[in-house]
Amino acid sequence: MPTKLKIKKGDRVQVVAGRDKGKTGDVVHVLPKENRAVVTGINVAKRHTRQSAQDAGGIVNKELPIHISNLAVLDPKDNKPTRVGYKVLEDGRKVRVAKRSSEVIDG
């Protein structure tokens, strides 16, 4: 059973392990059942595609999913990797908070 992910679509993340270590990008798509996410410019592979009616064939760069454990959310305050916690605001909303600076991640 998949666990609750602390990374969401639109988050700015940094790769902390693997071939693209140190690179940053935005999360395009999250795959919660596989604990993976697709990030712009990260884990790019070349795919040989056949020509179709919509597009020409050839070699296409495609972003493949990367495991969530290899990603860290960037702190909105200083753009450094941080862990994510949760906090309930006075109005009753539960928001994600950067552990590094206690800054609210999603407004």
Protein backbone atom coordinates (compact mmCIF):
# COMPACT_ATOMS: atom_id res chain seq x y z
CA MET A 1 0.00 0.00 0.00
CA PRO A 2 1.45 3.40 -0.95
CA THR A 3 2.37 5.83 1.80
CA LYS A 4 1.47 9.52 1.91
CA LEU A 5 3.97 11.47 -0.16
CA LYS A 6 5.33 14.79 0.99
CA ILE A 7 6.18 15.87 -2.55
CA LYS A 8 3.46 17.32 -4.77
CA LYS A 9 3.10 18.46 -8.36
CA GLY A 10 4.63 21.92 -8.81
CA ASP A 11 7.18 21.60 -5.99
CA ARG A 12 10.74 22.77 -6.59
CA VAL A 13 13.02 19.84 -5.72
CA GLN A 14 16.70 18.93 -5.70
CA VAL A 15 18.16 15.50 -6.44
CA VAL A 16 20.14 14.24 -3.42
CA ALA A 17 21.30 10.88 -4.82
CA GLY A 18 21.98 9.27 -8.17
CA ARG A 19 23.25 10.28 -11.57
CA ASP A 20 21.67 13.77 -11.48
CA LYS A 21 22.74 14.60 -7.89
CA GLY A 22 22.68 18.34 -7.21
CA LYS A 23 20.33 19.25 -10.08
CA THR A 24 17.06 21.04 -9.39
CA GLY A 25 13.73 21.05 -11.19
CA ASP A 26 9.97 21.25 -10.82
CA VAL A 27 7.79 18.20 -10.22
CA VAL A 28 5.62 17.62 -13.31
CA HIS A 29 3.84 14.43 -12.29
CA VAL A 30 3.71 12.23 -9.17
CA LEU A 31 3.18 8.46 -9.25
CA PRO A 32 2.13 7.62 -5.65
CA LYS A 33 1.65 3.88 -6.22
CA GLU A 34 5.26 3.57 -7.38
CA ASN A 35 6.71 6.22 -4.99
CA ARG A 36 8.14 8.06 -7.99
CA ALA A 37 7.94 11.52 -9.54
CA VAL A 38 8.74 13.03 -12.93
CA VAL A 39 10.91 16.16 -12.64
CA THR A 40 11.82 18.61 -15.43
CA GLY A 41 15.36 18.08 -16.69
CA ILE A 42 16.05 15.14 -14.36
CA ASN A 43 16.59 11.48 -15.35
CA VAL A 44 16.42 12.28 -19.07
CA ALA A 45 16.74 9.35 -21.50
CA LYS A 46 16.80 9.21 -25.27
CA ARG A 47 13.92 7.34 -26.85
CA HIS A 48 13.82 6.24 -30.50
CA THR A 49 10.30 6.92 -31.73
CA ARG A 50 8.62 5.84 -34.93
CA GLN A 51 7.06 8.47 -37.16
CA SER A 52 3.32 8.95 -36.67
CA ALA A 53 0.59 11.18 -38.08
CA GLN A 54 1.03 13.66 -35.21
CA ASP A 55 4.82 13.96 -35.01
CA ALA A 56 7.99 13.13 -36.86
CA GLY A 57 10.07 10.16 -35.77
CA GLY A 58 13.62 10.29 -34.47
CA ILE A 59 15.45 10.44 -31.19
CA VAL A 60 13.44 12.20 -28.48
CA ASN A 61 14.60 13.21 -24.98
CA LYS A 62 12.13 11.97 -22.39
CA GLU A 63 12.05 12.56 -18.62
CA LEU A 64 11.63 9.31 -16.74
CA PRO A 65 10.31 8.92 -13.17
CA ILE A 66 12.81 9.14 -10.29
CA HIS A 67 12.27 7.63 -6.84
CA ILE A 68 10.89 10.01 -4.20
CA SER A 69 13.66 9.07 -1.73
CA ASN A 70 16.21 10.65 -4.08
CA LEU A 71 14.44 14.03 -4.01
CA ALA A 72 14.39 16.82 -1.42
CA VAL A 73 12.00 19.77 -1.44
CA LEU A 74 13.74 23.15 -1.64
CA ASP A 75 13.13 25.58 1.22
CA PRO A 76 11.14 28.59 -0.08
CA LYS A 77 13.24 30.92 2.08
CA ASP A 78 16.81 30.08 0.97
CA ASN A 79 16.44 27.45 -1.82
CA LYS A 80 18.30 24.74 0.09
CA PRO A 81 17.08 21.14 0.51
CA THR A 82 14.85 20.58 3.51
CA ARG A 83 12.63 17.95 5.06
CA VAL A 84 8.88 18.48 5.10
CA GLY A 85 6.62 18.55 8.14
CA TYR A 86 2.99 19.42 8.73
CA LYS A 87 1.35 22.14 10.79
CA VAL A 88 -2.27 23.09 11.47
CA LEU A 89 -2.93 26.83 11.15
CA GLU A 90 -5.34 28.85 13.30
CA ASP A 91 -8.02 28.69 10.60
CA GLY A 92 -7.88 24.86 10.71
CA ARG A 93 -5.95 24.29 7.48
CA LYS A 94 -3.21 21.65 7.48
CA VAL A 95 -0.19 22.91 5.54
CA ARG A 96 3.26 21.59 4.67
CA VAL A 97 6.14 23.31 6.46
CA ALA A 98 9.88 23.34 5.72
CA LYS A 99 11.70 21.89 8.74
CA ARG A 100 14.76 24.03 7.96
CA SER A 101 13.11 27.46 8.35
CA SER A 102 9.54 26.68 9.53
CA GLU A 103 8.34 28.45 6.36
CA VAL A 104 5.00 27.34 4.87
CA ILE A 105 5.60 25.53 1.56
CA ASP A 106 2.10 25.61 0.09
CA GLY A 107 0.30 28.91 0.55
